[in-house]
C-alpha atoms as a PDB file:
ATOM      1  CA  UNK A   1       0.030   0.002   0.030  1.00  0.00           C
ATOM      2  CA  UNK A   2       2.879   2.360   0.845  1.00  0.00           C
ATOM      3  CA  UNK A   3       4.494   1.579  -2.476  1.00  0.00           C
ATOM      4  CA  UNK A   4       1.364   2.530  -4.368  1.00  0.00           C
ATOM      5  CA  UNK A   5       1.164   5.775  -2.480  1.00  0.00           C
ATOM      6  CA  UNK A   6       4.797   6.658  -3.184  1.00  0.00           C
ATOM      7  CA  UNK A   7       4.428   5.873  -6.867  1.00  0.00           C
ATOM      8  CA  UNK A   8       1.310   7.975  -7.096  1.00  0.00           C
ATOM      9  CA  UNK A   9       3.042  10.954  -5.494  1.00  0.00           C
ATOM     10  CA  UNK A  10       6.063  10.633  -7.778  1.00  0.00           C
ATOM     11  CA  UNK A  11       3.770  10.351 -10.850  1.00  0.00           C
ATOM     12  CA  UNK A  12       1.937  13.502  -9.792  1.00  0.00           C
ATOM     13  CA  UNK A  13       5.245  15.393  -9.442  1.00  0.00           C
ATOM     14  CA  UNK A  14       6.480  14.113 -12.794  1.00  0.00           C
ATOM     15  CA  UNK A  15       3.255  15.140 -14.594  1.00  0.00           C
ATOM     16  CA  UNK A  16       3.439  18.641 -13.116  1.00  0.00           C
ATOM     17  CA  UNK A  17       7.029  19.077 -14.190  1.00  0.00           C
ATOM     18  CA  UNK A  18       6.263  17.738 -17.700  1.00  0.00           C
ATOM     19  CA  UNK A  19       3.604  20.443 -18.169  1.00  0.00           C
ATOM     20  CA  UNK A  20       6.310  23.061 -17.947  1.00  0.00           C
ATOM     21  CA  UNK A  21       9.011  21.067 -19.674  1.00  0.00           C
ATOM     22  CA  UNK A  22       7.163  20.383 -22.940  1.00  0.00           C
ATOM     23  CA  UNK A  23       6.551  24.124 -23.829  1.00  0.00           C
ATOM     24  CA  UNK A  24      10.172  24.928 -22.996  1.00  0.00           C
ATOM     25  CA  UNK A  25      11.277  22.182 -25.312  1.00  0.00           C
ATOM     26  CA  UNK A  26       8.963  23.399 -28.088  1.00  0.00           C
ATOM     27  CA  UNK A  27      10.116  26.984 -27.885  1.00  0.00           C
ATOM     28  CA  UNK A  28      13.618  25.910 -28.932  1.00  0.00           C
ATOM     29  CA  UNK A  29      12.217  25.711 -32.481  1.00  0.00           C
ATOM     30  CA  UNK A  30      11.374  29.364 -32.393  1.00  0.00           C
ATOM     31  CA  UNK A  31      14.771  30.188 -30.852  1.00  0.00           C
ATOM     32  CA  UNK A  32      16.429  28.229 -33.731  1.00  0.00           C
ATOM     33  CA  UNK A  33      14.538  30.193 -36.360  1.00  0.00           C
ATOM     34  CA  UNK A  34      15.514  33.448 -34.564  1.00  0.00           C
ATOM     35  CA  UNK A  35      19.128  32.311 -34.553  1.00  0.00           C
ATOM     36  CA  UNK A  36      19.103  31.819 -38.299  1.00  0.00           C
ATOM     37  CA  UNK A  37      17.487  35.241 -38.764  1.00  0.00           C
ATOM     38  CA  UNK A  38      20.070  36.909 -36.456  1.00  0.00           C
ATOM     39  CA  UNK A  39      22.880  35.272 -38.438  1.00  0.00           C
ATOM     40  CA  UNK A  40      21.433  36.550 -41.702  1.00  0.00           C
ATOM     41  CA  UNK A  41      21.132  40.051 -40.379  1.00  0.00           C
ATOM     42  CA  UNK A  42      24.651  40.036 -39.002  1.00  0.00           C
ATOM     43  CA  UNK A  43      26.029  38.779 -42.274  1.00  0.00           C
ATOM     44  CA  UNK A  44      24.096  41.496 -44.144  1.00  0.00           C
ATOM     45  CA  UNK A  45      25.441  44.192 -41.880  1.00  0.00           C
ATOM     46  CA  UNK A  46      29.000  42.969 -42.313  1.00  0.00           C
ATOM     47  CA  UNK A  47      28.813  42.854 -46.098  1.00  0.00           C
ATOM     48  CA  UNK A  48      26.625  45.957 -46.701  1.00  0.00           C
ATOM     49  CA  UNK A  49      27.697  48.143 -43.797  1.00  0.00           C
ATOM     50  CA  UNK A  50      24.059  48.870 -42.861  1.00  0.00           C
ATOM     51  CA  UNK A  51      20.810  47.336 -41.733  1.00  0.00           C
ATOM     52  CA  UNK A  52      18.440  45.566 -44.114  1.00  0.00           C
ATOM     53  CA  UNK A  53      15.084  47.230 -44.739  1.00  0.00           C
ATOM     54  CA  UNK A  54      13.054  44.044 -45.060  1.00  0.00           C
ATOM     55  CA  UNK A  55      13.324  40.284 -44.959  1.00  0.00           C
ATOM     56  CA  UNK A  56      13.413  40.359 -48.768  1.00  0.00           C
ATOM     57  CA  UNK A  57      16.792  42.214 -48.485  1.00  0.00           C
ATOM     58  CA  UNK A  58      18.040  39.127 -46.652  1.00  0.00           C
ATOM     59  CA  UNK A  59      16.719  36.845 -49.355  1.00  0.00           C
ATOM     60  CA  UNK A  60      14.119  35.501 -46.963  1.00  0.00           C
ATOM     61  CA  UNK A  61      10.369  35.396 -46.751  1.00  0.00           C
ATOM     62  CA  UNK A  62       8.478  36.895 -43.823  1.00  0.00           C
ATOM     63  CA  UNK A  63       6.425  33.736 -43.567  1.00  0.00           C
ATOM     64  CA  UNK A  64       7.790  30.734 -41.731  1.00  0.00           C
ATOM     65  CA  UNK A  65       6.403  27.200 -41.386  1.00  0.00           C
ATOM     66  CA  UNK A  66       6.323  26.587 -37.685  1.00  0.00           C
ATOM     67  CA  UNK A  67       3.225  25.683 -35.669  1.00  0.00           C
ATOM     68  CA  UNK A  68       4.768  27.662 -32.751  1.00  0.00           C
ATOM     69  CA  UNK A  69       4.775  31.043 -34.503  1.00  0.00           C
ATOM     70  CA  UNK A  70       1.311  32.534 -34.521  1.00  0.00           C
ATOM     71  CA  UNK A  71       0.040  33.093 -38.031  1.00  0.00           C
ATOM     72  CA  UNK A  72       3.299  31.827 -39.465  1.00  0.00           C
ATOM     73  CA  UNK A  73       4.574  35.381 -39.735  1.00  0.00           C
ATOM     74  CA  UNK A  74       7.762  36.670 -38.168  1.00  0.00           C
ATOM     75  CA  UNK A  75       7.910  40.372 -37.758  1.00  0.00           C
ATOM     76  CA  UNK A  76      10.747  42.785 -38.114  1.00  0.00           C
ATOM     77  CA  UNK A  77      11.815  46.315 -37.640  1.00  0.00           C
ATOM     78  CA  UNK A  78      15.014  47.636 -39.096  1.00  0.00           C
ATOM     79  CA  UNK A  79      15.359  51.171 -37.806  1.00  0.00           C
ATOM     80  CA  UNK A  80      18.549  53.102 -38.661  1.00  0.00           C
ATOM     81  CA  UNK A  81      20.066  52.400 -35.303  1.00  0.00           C
ATOM     82  CA  UNK A  82      19.353  48.678 -34.833  1.00  0.00           C
ATOM     83  CA  UNK A  83      17.305  45.630 -35.640  1.00  0.00           C
ATOM     84  CA  UNK A  84      14.252  44.151 -33.955  1.00  0.00           C
ATOM     85  CA  UNK A  85      13.146  40.620 -34.722  1.00  0.00           C
ATOM     86  CA  UNK A  86       9.808  39.621 -33.265  1.00  0.00           C
ATOM     87  CA  UNK A  87       8.224  36.192 -33.250  1.00  0.00           C
ATOM     88  CA  UNK A  88       4.563  36.004 -32.173  1.00  0.00           C
ATOM     89  CA  UNK A  89       4.153  32.893 -30.013  1.00  0.00           C
ATOM     90  CA  UNK A  90       1.379  30.455 -30.733  1.00  0.00           C
ATOM     91  CA  UNK A  91      -0.849  28.824 -28.137  1.00  0.00           C
ATOM     92  CA  UNK A  92       0.370  25.507 -29.590  1.00  0.00           C
ATOM     93  CA  UNK A  93       3.436  26.093 -27.388  1.00  0.00           C
ATOM     94  CA  UNK A  94       1.271  26.167 -24.283  1.00  0.00           C
ATOM     95  CA  UNK A  95      -2.392  27.015 -23.672  1.00  0.00           C
ATOM     96  CA  UNK A  96      -1.468  30.163 -21.720  1.00  0.00           C
ATOM     97  CA  UNK A  97       1.158  31.366 -24.196  1.00  0.00           C
ATOM     98  CA  UNK A  98       0.743  34.924 -25.404  1.00  0.00           C
ATOM     99  CA  UNK A  99       3.128  37.606 -26.541  1.00  0.00           C
ATOM    100  CA  UNK A 100       6.240  37.732 -28.675  1.00  0.00           C
ATOM    101  CA  UNK A 101       9.817  36.553 -28.372  1.00  0.00           C
ATOM    102  CA  UNK A 102      11.814  39.663 -29.291  1.00  0.00           C
ATOM    103  CA  UNK A 103      15.502  39.962 -30.183  1.00  0.00           C
ATOM    104  CA  UNK A 104      16.929  43.442 -30.427  1.00  0.00           C
ATOM    105  CA  UNK A 105      20.222  43.996 -32.239  1.00  0.00           C
ATOM    106  CA  UNK A 106      22.605  46.916 -31.850  1.00  0.00           C
ATOM    107  CA  UNK A 107      25.668  47.673 -33.932  1.00  0.00           C
ATOM    108  CA  UNK A 108      29.130  47.572 -32.363  1.00  0.00           C
ATOM    109  CA  UNK A 109      32.025  49.797 -33.453  1.00  0.00           C
ATOM    110  CA  UNK A 110      33.464  46.911 -35.459  1.00  0.00           C
ATOM    111  CA  UNK A 111      30.141  46.274 -37.310  1.00  0.00           C
ATOM    112  CA  UNK A 112      29.375  43.346 -35.105  1.00  0.00           C
ATOM    113  CA  UNK A 113      25.746  42.899 -34.055  1.00  0.00           C
ATOM    114  CA  UNK A 114      25.035  42.329 -30.363  1.00  0.00           C
ATOM    115  CA  UNK A 115      21.631  40.712 -29.678  1.00  0.00           C
ATOM    116  CA  UNK A 116      19.521  40.832 -26.581  1.00  0.00           C
ATOM    117  CA  UNK A 117      16.351  38.875 -25.954  1.00  0.00           C
ATOM    118  CA  UNK A 118      13.159  40.119 -24.335  1.00  0.00           C
ATOM    119  CA  UNK A 119       9.510  39.081 -24.303  1.00  0.00           C
ATOM    120  CA  UNK A 120       6.396  41.149 -24.158  1.00  0.00           C
ATOM    121  CA  UNK A 121       3.846  39.133 -22.216  1.00  0.00           C
ATOM    122  CA  UNK A 122       4.877  35.498 -22.643  1.00  0.00           C
ATOM    123  CA  UNK A 123       5.079  33.558 -19.355  1.00  0.00           C
ATOM    124  CA  UNK A 124       8.689  33.713 -18.199  1.00  0.00           C
ATOM    125  CA  UNK A 125       8.704  30.024 -17.101  1.00  0.00           C
ATOM    126  CA  UNK A 126       8.602  28.894 -20.715  1.00  0.00           C
ATOM    127  CA  UNK A 127      11.282  31.228 -22.112  1.00  0.00           C
ATOM    128  CA  UNK A 128      14.939  30.394 -22.575  1.00  0.00           C
ATOM    129  CA  UNK A 129      17.165  31.609 -19.729  1.00  0.00           C
ATOM    130  CA  UNK A 130      18.599  34.439 -21.876  1.00  0.00           C
ATOM    131  CA  UNK A 131      15.096  35.889 -22.344  1.00  0.00           C
ATOM    132  CA  UNK A 132      13.783  35.816 -18.770  1.00  0.00           C
END
């Protein structure tokens, strides 16, 4: 009887932890897409000595096929002083998922791009450590 109780308690803990783990694992797909975008922007800046105006300048489409990006559209802003890449998060990541995963890039003196990650309203528990 004690064994059954212990197993039930451990199963309950494991299920609770899995509910947080699965969305964190899924968001790595969005982080991977963002990483590719950041690399493309950095390469563009190095070769052209300026920011791209659109995704088309990078040779990329604004649409992306990921069930975890809401509407399949990544968003961008390329102001004269930096770059903002925004990925609207889908509820397929987690039922309570809202907001965007946002990477902001600034230009260093040597034309290197430094990226920082933020999020608007997405639950922090699901985000990568660099974005919390």
